Amino acid sequence: MNSNRESFASRLGFILISAGCAIGLGNVWRFPFITGQYGGAAFVVIYLFFLLVFGLPILMAEFAVGRATQRSVGRAFERLEPKKTKWHLAKWPMIAGNYLLMMFYTTVCGWMLYYFYRMVVGDFENVTPAQVGAMFGETLASPAIQVGWMIATTVIGFGIVSLGLQKGVERITKWMMSSLFVIMILLAIRAVTLPGADEGLRFYLLPNFNNLVKNGIGESLFAALGQSFFTLSLGIGAMTIFGSYIKKNHSIAKEAANICALDTGVALLAGLIIIPSCFAFGLEPNAGPGLIFVTLPNVFSQMPAGRLCGAAFFLFLSFAALSTVVAVFENITTFWRDARRFDRKQVVWVNAVLIVLLSLPCALGFNLLSGFQPFGEGSCVLDLEDFLVSNTLLPLGSLLFIVFCCYKRGWGEEKFYAEVNTGKGFKIPTYKIVRFYVKWVIPVVIAIILIQGYFQKFASELYNKIFG
């Protein structure tokens, strides 16, 4: 092992930064509106079950590969793979997933930063709901706003990474994550004490499984499964690098459970802020992606101290998004340092320029490139990039990790379970039924997710026309 390798100054730093990678827009943007769409508390119960039985084992696989090699995916597979196998080639689609994720994530993170600025200066005070919706449309239509805030996100993210693992990534992410939790708790207290929030709390906290029927039980189950699967940023090696920093005196199962708990806690708190607030002001919590940028500014415009609460809300969104940006940028940087032994700052600034250039199609996809509609009318570059990451590279990469860890032609399950269970804390039982489940059931589920994503996107309409 490399004794000169950078490491975290504290275990808390590892936990918060790993959680920061997992905690992002999937938690604070997607989770609340998808919960509103698919039945509230009943959906949450199913989501938590799937997170435990599918997300946690895959996270442990990534962590185990990282800790066993003390490397990112740039070198991890080649250190563990049997002779005459080609597992090391898996690093290329995985690192491609990191770049593709940042190609649209930097733009959406820029929206959060821009809306935080607009809340601070009071742009949403004394405006009508129609004006709020129009303001978001104007934001998307402006190339200068889109590109400018995307560049700001990239510079902030790589600027933090350039300072080093301890002085930059660990120190600043710990501050951001700690602030995020404080802000969320204060906003949650404010939301649940609003007049009329009681109905929202019942919808969010008391399961009514009849609500699932409204959208179709099958569709609701797949939505919960997909949310639990994608919320941890699995399958692109982003967690492998943080697994490489886990000390041998703590079991991987224990550390993975900590990350899952923090990730889930943030998602649940986000729902506790947003859903009761919507009910309190008579707005629908199932407004889709526009919930954050159209519905919630209307909530804050009507709420006492709404300007302050709105600014705090978009600040916490910005911290959540930036924590993922910083973590993925650190993974990209370490990938090239492991693979080619480049200097940190050299890698950082080359990739900063590269990410800006690669992110331009998404930033311009709502204005100058709006004529490019890859999935038909109303779609855009972001939809294409998000589909390639969420429906292809994340499940494909997760499948590769599980197969690599559990089969003889890969690392092998004996070595995998030995690594996972080394150290103090919770350990995975190694009963035959557990091994069978991880080795066979999880890969089948991942394959179904992969196929279902493509069927839903390309074949469902044709199927309905033929058989509907």
Protein backbone atom coordinates (compact mmCIF):
# COMPACT_ATOMS: atom_id res chain seq x y z
CA MET A 1 0.00 0.00 0.00
CA ASN A 2 1.07 3.61 -0.56
CA SER A 3 2.11 5.11 2.78
CA ASN A 4 2.46 8.59 1.22
CA ARG A 5 -1.12 8.64 0.06
CA GLU A 6 -3.35 11.46 1.31
CA SER A 7 -5.95 10.49 3.91
CA PHE A 8 -8.68 12.15 5.95
CA ALA A 9 -7.71 13.82 9.22
CA SER A 10 -10.68 12.26 11.02
CA ARG A 11 -13.30 9.53 10.68
CA LEU A 12 -15.99 12.22 10.85
CA GLY A 13 -14.45 13.77 7.76
CA PHE A 14 -14.72 10.48 5.88
CA ILE A 15 -18.35 9.97 6.94
CA LEU A 16 -19.50 13.50 6.09
CA ILE A 17 -17.70 13.62 2.74
CA SER A 18 -18.91 10.17 1.70
CA ALA A 19 -22.41 11.18 2.75
CA GLY A 20 -21.94 14.44 0.85
CA CYS A 21 -21.27 12.47 -2.32
CA ALA A 22 -24.48 10.51 -1.81
CA ILE A 23 -26.52 13.48 -0.61
CA GLY A 24 -27.44 15.65 -3.54
CA LEU A 25 -30.25 16.69 -5.81
CA GLY A 26 -31.70 13.17 -5.71
CA ASN A 27 -32.42 13.71 -2.00
CA VAL A 28 -33.47 17.33 -1.82
CA TRP A 29 -34.97 17.87 -5.28
CA ARG A 30 -36.22 14.54 -6.62
CA PHE A 31 -37.25 12.73 -3.41
CA PRO A 32 -39.88 15.26 -2.20
CA PHE A 33 -41.70 15.61 -5.51
CA ILE A 34 -41.61 11.88 -6.32
CA THR A 35 -42.95 11.19 -2.82
CA GLY A 36 -45.76 13.63 -3.52
CA GLN A 37 -46.49 11.95 -6.85
CA TYR A 38 -46.55 8.37 -5.56
CA GLY A 39 -48.56 8.45 -2.38
CA GLY A 40 -46.64 10.07 0.46
CA ALA A 41 -45.81 7.88 3.46
CA ALA A 42 -46.68 4.61 1.68
CA PHE A 43 -44.07 5.40 -0.96
CA VAL A 44 -41.52 6.34 1.73
CA VAL A 45 -41.92 2.95 3.46
CA ILE A 46 -41.28 1.06 0.22
CA TYR A 47 -38.34 3.33 -0.66
CA LEU A 48 -36.68 2.68 2.72
CA PHE A 49 -37.13 -1.08 2.31
CA PHE A 50 -35.51 -1.05 -1.14
CA LEU A 51 -32.69 1.18 0.10
CA LEU A 52 -31.87 -1.36 2.79
CA VAL A 53 -32.02 -4.51 0.66
CA PHE A 54 -30.51 -3.19 -2.58
CA GLY A 55 -28.68 0.10 -2.10
CA LEU A 56 -26.72 -0.92 1.02
CA PRO A 57 -25.14 -4.12 -0.42
CA ILE A 58 -24.01 -2.32 -3.59
CA LEU A 59 -22.50 0.49 -1.51
CA MET A 60 -20.61 -2.12 0.53
CA ALA A 61 -19.25 -3.65 -2.69
CA GLU A 62 -17.86 -0.28 -3.84
CA PHE A 63 -16.37 0.43 -0.41
CA ALA A 64 -14.79 -3.04 -0.24
CA VAL A 65 -13.06 -2.68 -3.62
CA GLY A 66 -11.75 0.73 -2.58
CA ARG A 67 -10.45 -0.31 0.85
CA ALA A 68 -8.84 -3.53 -0.39
CA THR A 69 -6.74 -1.56 -2.91
CA GLN A 70 -6.53 1.94 -1.39
CA ARG A 71 -7.12 3.19 -4.92
CA SER A 72 -9.84 4.78 -7.03
CA VAL A 73 -11.39 2.81 -9.90
CA GLY A 74 -8.42 4.04 -11.98
CA ARG A 75 -6.32 1.22 -10.48
CA ALA A 76 -8.61 -0.76 -8.15
CA PHE A 77 -9.87 -3.41 -10.56
CA GLU A 78 -6.46 -4.21 -12.02
CA ARG A 79 -5.08 -4.79 -8.51
CA LEU A 80 -7.79 -7.32 -7.63
CA GLU A 81 -8.65 -8.96 -10.95
CA PRO A 82 -7.45 -12.52 -11.69
CA LYS A 83 -4.77 -12.93 -14.34
CA LYS A 84 -5.89 -12.85 -17.97
CA THR A 85 -9.18 -11.09 -17.15
CA LYS A 86 -10.23 -7.64 -18.35
CA TRP A 87 -12.02 -6.21 -15.31
CA HIS A 88 -9.76 -3.15 -15.41
CA LEU A 89 -11.63 -2.00 -18.53
CA ALA A 90 -14.66 -1.30 -16.29
CA LYS A 91 -12.93 1.87 -15.14
CA TRP A 92 -13.64 3.61 -18.45
CA PRO A 93 -17.47 3.56 -18.44
CA MET A 94 -17.33 4.39 -14.72
CA ILE A 95 -15.15 7.48 -15.09
CA ALA A 96 -17.22 8.42 -18.14
CA GLY A 97 -20.24 8.34 -15.82
CA ASN A 98 -18.54 10.86 -13.52
CA TYR A 99 -17.96 13.26 -16.39
CA LEU A 100 -21.44 12.77 -17.84
CA LEU A 101 -23.02 13.35 -14.43
CA MET A 102 -21.14 16.62 -14.03
CA MET A 103 -22.09 17.70 -17.55
CA PHE A 104 -25.63 18.42 -16.32
CA TYR A 105 -25.19 18.49 -12.54
CA THR A 106 -23.08 21.65 -12.70
CA THR A 107 -25.89 23.43 -14.56
CA VAL A 108 -28.59 22.37 -12.08
CA CYS A 109 -26.32 23.27 -9.13
CA GLY A 110 -25.93 26.67 -10.78
CA TRP A 111 -29.72 27.09 -10.62
CA MET A 112 -29.58 26.53 -6.86
CA LEU A 113 -26.86 29.14 -6.39
CA TYR A 114 -28.72 31.62 -8.61
CA TYR A 115 -32.00 31.15 -6.75
CA PHE A 116 -30.21 31.59 -3.42
CA TYR A 117 -28.92 34.93 -4.74
CA ARG A 118 -32.41 35.93 -5.93
CA MET A 119 -33.94 35.05 -2.58
CA VAL A 120 -31.33 37.14 -0.76
CA VAL A 121 -31.99 40.23 -2.91
CA GLY A 122 -35.78 39.81 -2.58
CA ASP A 123 -36.75 39.07 -6.20
CA PHE A 124 -39.63 36.81 -5.07
CA GLU A 125 -41.32 39.29 -2.75
CA ASN A 126 -44.75 40.60 -3.81
CA VAL A 127 -44.94 38.53 -7.00
CA THR A 128 -47.83 36.42 -8.31
CA PRO A 129 -47.63 32.64 -8.93
CA ALA A 130 -47.69 33.30 -12.69
CA GLN A 131 -44.75 35.68 -12.35
CA VAL A 132 -42.75 33.08 -10.37
CA GLY A 133 -43.26 30.53 -13.15
CA ALA A 134 -42.27 33.09 -15.76
CA MET A 135 -39.11 33.95 -13.83
CA PHE A 136 -37.91 30.33 -14.01
CA GLY A 137 -38.62 30.29 -17.73
CA GLU A 138 -36.58 33.48 -18.15
CA THR A 139 -33.73 31.87 -16.19
CA LEU A 140 -33.63 28.88 -18.55
CA ALA A 141 -33.87 31.10 -21.63
CA SER A 142 -30.80 33.17 -20.75
CA PRO A 143 -27.50 31.72 -22.06
CA ALA A 144 -25.54 34.18 -19.89
CA ILE A 145 -27.26 33.08 -16.66
CA GLN A 146 -27.04 29.38 -17.51
CA VAL A 147 -23.38 29.41 -18.55
CA GLY A 148 -22.27 31.93 -15.92
CA TRP A 149 -23.63 30.00 -12.92
CA MET A 150 -22.45 26.68 -14.39
CA ILE A 151 -18.92 28.10 -14.58
CA ALA A 152 -19.24 29.44 -11.03
CA THR A 153 -20.20 25.96 -9.79
CA THR A 154 -17.25 24.36 -11.61
CA VAL A 155 -14.74 26.92 -10.33
CA ILE A 156 -16.00 26.61 -6.73
CA GLY A 157 -15.91 22.79 -6.87
CA PHE A 158 -12.47 22.42 -8.41
CA GLY A 159 -11.16 25.32 -6.33
CA ILE A 160 -11.98 23.33 -3.18
CA VAL A 161 -10.41 20.16 -4.64
CA SER A 162 -7.23 22.03 -5.60
CA LEU A 163 -6.55 22.79 -1.91
CA GLY A 164 -6.01 19.09 -1.22
CA LEU A 165 -7.90 16.31 0.51
CA GLN A 166 -7.60 17.56 4.11
CA LYS A 167 -7.24 21.33 3.68
CA GLY A 168 -9.81 21.60 0.91
CA VAL A 169 -12.22 18.70 0.42
CA GLU A 170 -12.44 17.56 4.06
CA ARG A 171 -12.39 20.93 5.82
CA ILE A 172 -14.87 22.72 3.56
CA THR A 173 -17.21 19.77 3.03
CA LYS A 174 -17.43 19.19 6.80
CA TRP A 175 -18.45 22.82 7.21
CA MET A 176 -21.00 22.64 4.38
CA MET A 177 -22.53 19.38 5.61
CA SER A 178 -22.74 20.56 9.22
CA SER A 179 -24.41 23.80 8.08
CA LEU A 180 -26.77 21.83 5.84
CA PHE A 181 -28.07 19.76 8.77
CA VAL A 182 -28.58 22.84 10.97
CA ILE A 183 -30.43 24.74 8.23
CA MET A 184 -32.63 21.74 7.41
CA ILE A 185 -33.62 21.16 11.04
CA LEU A 186 -34.58 24.83 11.49
CA LEU A 187 -36.59 24.84 8.24
CA ALA A 188 -38.33 21.58 9.18
CA ILE A 189 -39.37 23.05 12.53
CA ARG A 190 -40.72 26.12 10.71
CA ALA A 191 -42.58 24.00 8.13
CA VAL A 192 -44.35 21.66 10.57
CA THR A 193 -45.51 24.57 12.74
CA LEU A 194 -47.21 26.41 9.86
CA PRO A 195 -51.01 26.73 10.15
CA GLY A 196 -52.53 23.98 8.00
CA ALA A 197 -49.40 21.80 7.92
CA ASP A 198 -51.20 18.99 9.81
CA GLU A 199 -52.72 17.53 6.65
CA GLY A 200 -49.30 17.46 4.99
CA LEU A 201 -47.79 15.68 7.99
CA ARG A 202 -50.51 13.01 7.84
CA PHE A 203 -49.88 12.53 4.12
CA TYR A 204 -46.13 12.26 4.67
CA LEU A 205 -45.95 10.27 7.91
CA LEU A 206 -49.04 8.02 8.01
CA PRO A 207 -48.91 5.31 5.31
CA ASN A 208 -52.04 4.88 3.23
CA PHE A 209 -51.28 2.17 0.68
CA ASN A 210 -54.44 2.99 -1.26
CA ASN A 211 -52.52 6.05 -2.50
CA LEU A 212 -50.18 3.75 -4.43
CA VAL A 213 -53.08 2.40 -6.48
CA LYS A 214 -53.79 5.84 -7.99
CA ASN A 215 -50.54 5.73 -9.99
CA GLY A 216 -50.50 1.95 -10.43
CA ILE A 217 -48.78 -0.29 -7.91
CA GLY A 218 -46.19 -1.48 -10.43
CA GLU A 219 -45.18 2.05 -11.43
CA SER A 220 -45.01 3.11 -7.77
CA LEU A 221 -42.78 0.15 -6.89
CA PHE A 222 -40.39 0.87 -9.75
CA ALA A 223 -40.26 4.55 -8.78
CA ALA A 224 -39.34 3.62 -5.19
CA LEU A 225 -36.80 1.06 -6.38
CA GLY A 226 -35.21 3.55 -8.77
CA GLN A 227 -35.03 6.28 -6.13
CA SER A 228 -33.41 3.95 -3.58
CA PHE A 229 -30.97 2.71 -6.20
CA PHE A 230 -29.79 6.06 -7.54
CA THR A 231 -29.75 8.12 -4.35
CA LEU A 232 -26.34 6.80 -3.22
CA SER A 233 -24.44 7.71 -6.44
CA LEU A 234 -23.64 4.04 -7.01
CA GLY A 235 -22.07 2.40 -10.03
CA ILE A 236 -19.62 5.03 -11.28
CA GLY A 237 -16.85 4.51 -8.74
CA ALA A 238 -17.62 7.73 -6.87
CA MET A 239 -17.88 5.74 -3.63
CA THR A 240 -14.87 3.52 -4.35
CA ILE A 241 -12.44 6.35 -3.68
CA PHE A 242 -14.00 7.04 -0.28
CA GLY A 243 -13.95 3.33 0.52
CA SER A 244 -10.20 3.49 0.00
CA TYR A 245 -9.95 5.79 3.03
CA ILE A 246 -11.83 3.48 5.45
CA LYS A 247 -9.56 2.21 8.21
CA LYS A 248 -9.29 -1.53 8.82
CA ASN A 249 -10.52 -1.15 12.40
CA HIS A 250 -14.09 -0.31 11.24
CA SER A 251 -16.22 -2.80 9.32
CA ILE A 252 -17.39 -1.70 5.89
CA ALA A 253 -20.95 -2.74 6.71
CA LYS A 254 -20.92 -0.35 9.66
CA GLU A 255 -19.58 2.57 7.61
CA ALA A 256 -21.97 1.91 4.72
CA ALA A 257 -24.88 1.85 7.17
CA ASN A 258 -23.76 5.24 8.54
CA ILE A 259 -23.70 6.74 5.03
CA CYS A 260 -27.12 5.29 4.19
CA ALA A 261 -28.55 6.67 7.45
CA LEU A 262 -27.26 10.21 6.77
CA ASP A 263 -28.38 10.08 3.13
CA THR A 264 -31.85 8.91 4.14
CA GLY A 265 -32.08 11.43 6.98
CA VAL A 266 -31.48 14.33 4.59
CA ALA A 267 -34.08 13.02 2.12
CA LEU A 268 -36.67 12.61 4.87
CA LEU A 269 -35.93 16.07 6.27
CA ALA A 270 -36.28 17.58 2.79
CA GLY A 271 -39.72 16.00 2.50
CA LEU A 272 -40.61 17.25 5.98
CA ILE A 273 -39.78 20.80 4.85
CA ILE A 274 -41.46 20.74 1.47
CA ILE A 275 -44.63 18.62 1.76
CA PRO A 276 -46.19 20.24 4.89
CA SER A 277 -45.32 23.67 3.43
CA CYS A 278 -47.22 22.88 0.23
CA PHE A 279 -50.28 21.65 2.12
CA ALA A 280 -50.19 24.68 4.42
CA PHE A 281 -50.58 27.03 1.44
CA GLY A 282 -52.93 24.88 -0.63
CA LEU A 283 -50.37 23.88 -3.25
CA GLU A 284 -49.87 20.41 -4.71
CA PRO A 285 -46.76 18.49 -3.58
CA ASN A 286 -46.78 16.42 -6.79
CA ALA A 287 -45.76 19.28 -9.08
CA GLY A 288 -42.79 17.35 -10.49
CA PRO A 289 -39.35 18.90 -11.07
CA GLY A 290 -40.86 22.41 -11.01
CA LEU A 291 -41.73 21.94 -7.33
CA ILE A 292 -38.45 23.52 -6.20
CA PHE A 293 -38.26 26.42 -8.65
CA VAL A 294 -41.91 27.33 -9.19
CA THR A 295 -44.10 25.98 -6.37
CA LEU A 296 -41.80 26.61 -3.40
CA PRO A 297 -40.94 30.25 -4.23
CA ASN A 298 -44.70 30.80 -4.11
CA VAL A 299 -44.77 29.20 -0.66
CA PHE A 300 -41.97 31.43 0.60
CA SER A 301 -43.58 34.53 -0.89
CA GLN A 302 -46.67 33.89 1.30
CA MET A 303 -44.85 32.70 4.43
CA PRO A 304 -43.99 35.00 7.34
CA ALA A 305 -40.22 35.64 7.16
CA GLY A 306 -40.44 33.99 3.75
CA ARG A 307 -37.45 35.83 2.31
CA LEU A 308 -35.20 34.55 5.09
CA CYS A 309 -36.63 31.02 4.95
CA GLY A 310 -36.37 30.95 1.16
CA ALA A 311 -32.75 32.09 1.21
CA ALA A 312 -31.93 29.44 3.83
CA PHE A 313 -33.74 26.79 1.77
CA PHE A 314 -31.81 27.49 -1.41
CA LEU A 315 -28.59 27.76 0.58
CA PHE A 316 -29.12 24.22 1.89
CA LEU A 317 -29.94 23.05 -1.66
CA SER A 318 -26.70 24.66 -2.84
CA PHE A 319 -24.69 22.95 -0.10
CA ALA A 320 -26.26 19.58 -0.92
CA ALA A 321 -25.52 19.95 -4.63
CA LEU A 322 -22.00 21.34 -4.09
CA SER A 323 -21.09 18.50 -1.71
CA THR A 324 -21.76 16.04 -4.55
CA VAL A 325 -19.90 18.21 -7.07
CA VAL A 326 -16.83 18.38 -4.81
CA ALA A 327 -16.91 14.63 -4.11
CA VAL A 328 -17.19 13.69 -7.80
CA PHE A 329 -14.50 16.21 -8.76
CA GLU A 330 -12.25 14.62 -6.11
CA ASN A 331 -12.96 11.22 -7.64
CA ILE A 332 -12.08 12.48 -11.13
CA THR A 333 -8.88 14.07 -9.81
CA THR A 334 -7.81 10.95 -7.92
CA PHE A 335 -8.63 8.75 -10.92
CA TRP A 336 -6.06 10.53 -13.09
CA ARG A 337 -3.54 10.80 -10.27
CA ASP A 338 -3.78 7.04 -9.65
CA ALA A 339 -3.77 6.14 -13.34
CA ARG A 340 -1.08 8.52 -14.60
CA ARG A 341 0.54 9.97 -11.43
CA PHE A 342 -0.20 13.57 -12.45
CA ASP A 343 0.14 16.52 -10.04
CA ARG A 344 -3.11 17.43 -8.22
CA LYS A 345 -3.32 21.06 -9.35
CA GLN A 346 -2.39 20.13 -12.90
CA VAL A 347 -5.22 17.59 -13.03
CA VAL A 348 -7.65 20.00 -11.35
CA TRP A 349 -7.33 22.88 -13.73
CA VAL A 350 -7.20 20.79 -16.91
CA ASN A 351 -10.39 19.09 -15.81
CA ALA A 352 -12.00 22.38 -14.77
CA VAL A 353 -11.66 23.63 -18.34
CA LEU A 354 -12.80 20.27 -19.71
CA ILE A 355 -15.91 20.13 -17.48
CA VAL A 356 -16.90 23.68 -18.47
CA LEU A 357 -16.63 22.79 -22.17
CA LEU A 358 -18.50 19.50 -21.74
CA SER A 359 -21.24 21.23 -19.72
CA LEU A 360 -21.99 23.85 -22.37
CA PRO A 361 -24.51 21.70 -24.32
CA CYS A 362 -26.68 21.27 -21.21
CA ALA A 363 -26.39 24.93 -20.17
CA LEU A 364 -27.36 26.01 -23.69
CA GLY A 365 -29.91 23.24 -24.17
CA PHE A 366 -32.75 25.42 -22.84
CA ASN A 367 -32.01 28.34 -25.16
CA LEU A 368 -29.55 28.32 -28.07
CA LEU A 369 -29.72 24.52 -28.46
CA SER A 370 -33.41 24.16 -27.57
CA GLY A 371 -34.11 22.85 -31.07
CA PHE A 372 -32.29 19.64 -30.14
CA GLN A 373 -35.03 17.46 -28.63
CA PRO A 374 -33.60 13.93 -28.35
CA PHE A 375 -36.72 12.29 -26.88
CA GLY A 376 -39.30 14.26 -28.79
CA GLU A 377 -41.07 17.54 -28.19
CA GLY A 378 -40.29 19.16 -24.86
CA SER A 379 -37.11 17.17 -24.18
CA CYS A 380 -33.64 18.68 -24.06
CA VAL A 381 -29.93 17.91 -23.66
CA LEU A 382 -30.30 17.50 -19.89
CA ASP A 383 -32.90 14.75 -20.41
CA LEU A 384 -30.52 12.81 -22.66
CA GLU A 385 -27.55 13.14 -20.31
CA ASP A 386 -29.62 12.28 -17.23
CA PHE A 387 -31.03 9.20 -18.98
CA LEU A 388 -27.58 7.96 -19.96
CA VAL A 389 -26.34 8.30 -16.38
CA SER A 390 -29.42 7.22 -14.41
CA ASN A 391 -30.74 4.50 -16.70
CA THR A 392 -27.50 3.14 -18.16
CA LEU A 393 -24.19 3.87 -16.43
CA LEU A 394 -25.36 3.73 -12.79
CA PRO A 395 -27.14 0.35 -13.05
CA LEU A 396 -24.50 -1.06 -15.40
CA GLY A 397 -21.67 -0.04 -13.07
CA SER A 398 -23.51 -1.41 -10.03
CA LEU A 399 -24.01 -4.71 -11.83
CA LEU A 400 -20.28 -4.86 -12.60
CA PHE A 401 -19.37 -4.23 -8.95
CA ILE A 402 -21.65 -6.99 -7.62
CA VAL A 403 -20.55 -9.54 -10.25
CA PHE A 404 -16.88 -8.67 -9.71
CA CYS A 405 -17.19 -9.12 -5.94
CA CYS A 406 -19.23 -12.34 -5.97
CA TYR A 407 -17.89 -14.51 -8.79
CA LYS A 408 -14.72 -16.58 -9.15
CA ARG A 409 -13.77 -14.91 -12.42
CA GLY A 410 -13.73 -11.64 -10.50
CA TRP A 411 -12.47 -10.87 -7.01
CA GLY A 412 -14.45 -13.72 -5.45
CA GLU A 413 -17.03 -13.72 -2.67
CA GLU A 414 -14.70 -15.20 -0.02
CA LYS A 415 -12.32 -12.25 -0.31
CA PHE A 416 -15.23 -9.83 -0.62
CA TYR A 417 -16.96 -10.94 2.59
CA ALA A 418 -13.66 -11.08 4.44
CA GLU A 419 -12.96 -7.45 3.49
CA VAL A 420 -16.48 -6.27 4.33
CA ASN A 421 -16.42 -7.88 7.78
CA THR A 422 -12.92 -6.80 8.80
CA GLY A 423 -13.02 -4.40 11.74
CA LYS A 424 -15.37 -3.57 14.58
CA GLY A 425 -19.05 -3.01 14.04
CA PHE A 426 -21.96 -4.56 12.17
CA LYS A 427 -21.02 -7.49 9.92
CA ILE A 428 -22.84 -9.22 7.08
CA PRO A 429 -23.97 -12.76 7.88
CA THR A 430 -22.32 -15.21 5.49
CA TYR A 431 -25.17 -17.73 5.44
CA LYS A 432 -25.88 -19.42 2.11
CA ILE A 433 -29.18 -17.54 1.76
CA VAL A 434 -27.39 -14.19 2.13
CA ARG A 435 -24.74 -15.13 -0.42
CA PHE A 436 -27.40 -16.39 -2.82
CA TYR A 437 -29.34 -13.15 -2.45
CA VAL A 438 -26.32 -10.90 -3.10
CA LYS A 439 -24.91 -13.09 -5.88
CA TRP A 440 -28.09 -13.81 -7.82
CA VAL A 441 -31.10 -11.72 -6.74
CA ILE A 442 -29.41 -8.29 -6.73
CA PRO A 443 -27.88 -8.71 -10.23
CA VAL A 444 -31.26 -9.82 -11.61
CA VAL A 445 -32.98 -6.78 -10.06
CA ILE A 446 -30.33 -4.45 -11.49
CA ALA A 447 -30.77 -6.02 -14.94
CA ILE A 448 -34.53 -5.51 -14.67
CA ILE A 449 -34.00 -1.85 -13.75
CA LEU A 450 -31.72 -1.43 -16.76
CA ILE A 451 -34.16 -3.06 -19.17
CA GLN A 452 -37.22 -1.37 -17.66
CA GLY A 453 -35.62 2.06 -18.04
CA TYR A 454 -35.12 1.56 -21.76
CA PHE A 455 -38.53 -0.04 -22.21
CA GLN A 456 -40.24 2.86 -20.47
CA LYS A 457 -38.35 5.41 -22.56
CA PHE A 458 -38.52 3.81 -26.00
CA ALA A 459 -40.87 0.85 -26.14
CA SER A 460 -43.84 1.57 -23.86
CA GLU A 461 -45.55 3.93 -26.30
CA LEU A 462 -45.10 1.49 -29.18
CA TYR A 463 -46.31 -1.38 -26.99
CA ASN A 464 -49.44 0.57 -26.02
CA LYS A 465 -50.19 1.33 -29.66
CA ILE A 466 -49.93 -2.35 -30.60
CA PHE A 467 -51.56 -4.03 -27.59
CA GLY A 468 -53.34 -1.16 -25.82
